C-alpha atoms as a PDB file:
ATOM      1  CA  MET A   1     161.539 118.544 -50.265  1.00  0.00           C
ATOM      2  CA  GLY A   2     163.217 117.018 -47.175  1.00  0.00           C
ATOM      3  CA  ALA A   3     160.050 115.931 -45.451  1.00  0.00           C
ATOM      4  CA  ARG A   4     158.603 114.533 -48.700  1.00  0.00           C
ATOM      5  CA  ARG A   5     161.785 112.515 -49.273  1.00  0.00           C
ATOM      6  CA  GLN A   6     161.601 111.159 -45.718  1.00  0.00           C
ATOM      7  CA  VAL A   7     158.001 110.049 -46.299  1.00  0.00           C
ATOM      8  CA  GLU A   8     159.005 108.314 -49.607  1.00  0.00           C
ATOM      9  CA  VAL A   9     161.893 106.440 -47.975  1.00  0.00           C
ATOM     10  CA  THR A  10     159.659 105.379 -45.053  1.00  0.00           C
ATOM     11  CA  GLU A  11     157.098 104.067 -47.503  1.00  0.00           C
ATOM     12  CA  ARG A  12     159.764 101.988 -49.184  1.00  0.00           C
ATOM     13  CA  LEU A  13     160.968 100.687 -45.865  1.00  0.00           C
ATOM     14  CA  ARG A  14     157.427  99.594 -44.965  1.00  0.00           C
ATOM     15  CA  TRP A  15     157.014  97.920 -48.327  1.00  0.00           C
ATOM     16  CA  VAL A  16     160.264  95.929 -47.989  1.00  0.00           C
ATOM     17  CA  LEU A  17     159.319  94.840 -44.454  1.00  0.00           C
ATOM     18  CA  GLU A  18     155.845  93.870 -45.626  1.00  0.00           C
ATOM     19  CA  LEU A  19     157.205  91.798 -48.487  1.00  0.00           C
ATOM     20  CA  ALA A  20     159.701  90.060 -46.178  1.00  0.00           C
ATOM     21  CA  GLY A  21     157.062  89.587 -43.537  1.00  0.00           C
ATOM     22  CA  ARG A  22     154.717  87.897 -46.002  1.00  0.00           C
ATOM     23  CA  THR A  23     157.144  85.004 -46.295  1.00  0.00           C
ATOM     24  CA  GLY A  24     156.382  84.036 -42.694  1.00  0.00           C
ATOM     25  CA  GLN A  25     160.125  83.595 -42.237  1.00  0.00           C
ATOM     26  CA  LEU A  26     161.216  87.058 -41.111  1.00  0.00           C
ATOM     27  CA  ARG A  27     162.681  86.862 -37.571  1.00  0.00           C
ATOM     28  CA  ARG A  28     164.316  90.298 -37.113  1.00  0.00           C
ATOM     29  CA  GLY A  29     165.151  93.504 -39.037  1.00  0.00           C
ATOM     30  CA  PHE A  30     167.883  95.996 -38.298  1.00  0.00           C
ATOM     31  CA  ILE A  31     167.886  99.498 -39.784  1.00  0.00           C
ATOM     32  CA  TRP A  32     170.928 101.800 -39.916  1.00  0.00           C
ATOM     33  CA  GLY A  33     172.534 104.566 -42.013  1.00  0.00           C
ATOM     34  CA  SER A  34     171.263 108.047 -42.726  1.00  0.00           C
ATOM     35  CA  TYR A  35     167.631 106.879 -42.250  1.00  0.00           C
ATOM     36  CA  ILE A  36     167.962 106.720 -38.510  1.00  0.00           C
ATOM     37  CA  THR A  37     169.849 109.938 -38.096  1.00  0.00           C
ATOM     38  CA  ASN A  38     168.559 113.523 -37.911  1.00  0.00           C
ATOM     39  CA  LYS A  39     169.189 113.892 -41.619  1.00  0.00           C
ATOM     40  CA  ILE A  40     166.115 115.532 -43.155  1.00  0.00           C
ATOM     41  CA  ALA A  41     166.347 113.857 -46.513  1.00  0.00           C
ATOM     42  CA  PRO A  42     167.875 110.351 -46.232  1.00  0.00           C
ATOM     43  CA  ASN A  43     168.864 108.867 -49.582  1.00  0.00           C
ATOM     44  CA  ASP A  44     167.846 105.281 -48.887  1.00  0.00           C
ATOM     45  CA  VAL A  45     167.268 102.650 -46.224  1.00  0.00           C
ATOM     46  CA  ASP A  46     169.988 100.299 -45.042  1.00  0.00           C
ATOM     47  CA  LEU A  47     168.343  97.151 -43.785  1.00  0.00           C
ATOM     48  CA  MET A  48     169.453  93.743 -42.531  1.00  0.00           C
ATOM     49  CA  LEU A  49     166.791  91.022 -42.488  1.00  0.00           C
ATOM     50  CA  VAL A  50     167.317  87.929 -40.333  1.00  0.00           C
ATOM     51  CA  MET A  51     165.291  85.098 -41.770  1.00  0.00           C
ATOM     52  CA  ALA A  52     164.448  81.649 -40.376  1.00  0.00           C
ATOM     53  CA  ALA A  53     167.150  79.060 -40.691  1.00  0.00           C
ATOM     54  CA  ASP A  54     165.169  77.076 -43.261  1.00  0.00           C
ATOM     55  CA  PHE A  55     164.223  80.131 -45.323  1.00  0.00           C
ATOM     56  CA  ARG A  56     164.583  79.704 -49.113  1.00  0.00           C
ATOM     57  CA  TRP A  57     164.040  82.910 -51.054  1.00  0.00           C
ATOM     58  CA  GLU A  58     163.443  81.058 -54.361  1.00  0.00           C
ATOM     59  CA  LEU A  59     160.225  79.551 -52.803  1.00  0.00           C
ATOM     60  CA  CYS A  60     158.737  82.990 -52.083  1.00  0.00           C
ATOM     61  CA  GLY A  61     156.174  84.600 -54.338  1.00  0.00           C
ATOM     62  CA  LEU A  62     157.702  86.558 -57.214  1.00  0.00           C
ATOM     63  CA  GLU A  63     156.960  89.930 -55.568  1.00  0.00           C
ATOM     64  CA  ALA A  64     158.731  88.969 -52.338  1.00  0.00           C
ATOM     65  CA  GLN A  65     161.684  87.499 -54.242  1.00  0.00           C
ATOM     66  CA  ARG A  66     162.523  91.058 -55.323  1.00  0.00           C
ATOM     67  CA  VAL A  67     163.586  91.867 -51.781  1.00  0.00           C
ATOM     68  CA  PHE A  68     166.066  88.987 -51.674  1.00  0.00           C
ATOM     69  CA  ASP A  69     167.685  89.571 -55.075  1.00  0.00           C
ATOM     70  CA  CYS A  70     171.124  91.127 -54.750  1.00  0.00           C
ATOM     71  CA  THR A  71     170.502  94.189 -56.986  1.00  0.00           C
ATOM     72  CA  LEU A  72     166.786  94.714 -57.315  1.00  0.00           C
ATOM     73  CA  PRO A  73     165.989  96.193 -53.875  1.00  0.00           C
ATOM     74  CA  GLU A  74     168.383  99.110 -54.468  1.00  0.00           C
ATOM     75  CA  GLN A  75     167.233  99.662 -58.052  1.00  0.00           C
ATOM     76  CA  GLU A  76     163.459  99.177 -57.528  1.00  0.00           C
ATOM     77  CA  LEU A  77     162.829  99.800 -53.878  1.00  0.00           C
ATOM     78  CA  GLY A  78     165.480 102.348 -52.974  1.00  0.00           C
ATOM     79  CA  ALA A  79     166.794 100.150 -50.177  1.00  0.00           C
ATOM     80  CA  THR A  80     170.078  98.396 -49.509  1.00  0.00           C
ATOM     81  CA  VAL A  81     168.925  95.011 -48.184  1.00  0.00           C
ATOM     82  CA  MET A  82     171.183  92.365 -46.736  1.00  0.00           C
ATOM     83  CA  TRP A  83     169.749  89.160 -45.387  1.00  0.00           C
ATOM     84  CA  VAL A  84     170.839  85.971 -43.618  1.00  0.00           C
END
């Protein structure tokens, strides 16, 4: 169960980073929490996205907008995402 959970969480992380990257405005990403520890089955991904200064999330495609909504990433993608 633990390894399977780790794979699922990693897939979600990749998906979030891909969606953010598609904007062309992603500058950096920072990951922390249980995901980067030796914990076999992390619950989620804690992620900080640093976007370009002129980034406007409302101009992204609908799919990418999900990453920048305050509540949807945790509910739909299993990730706590903060962005600046």
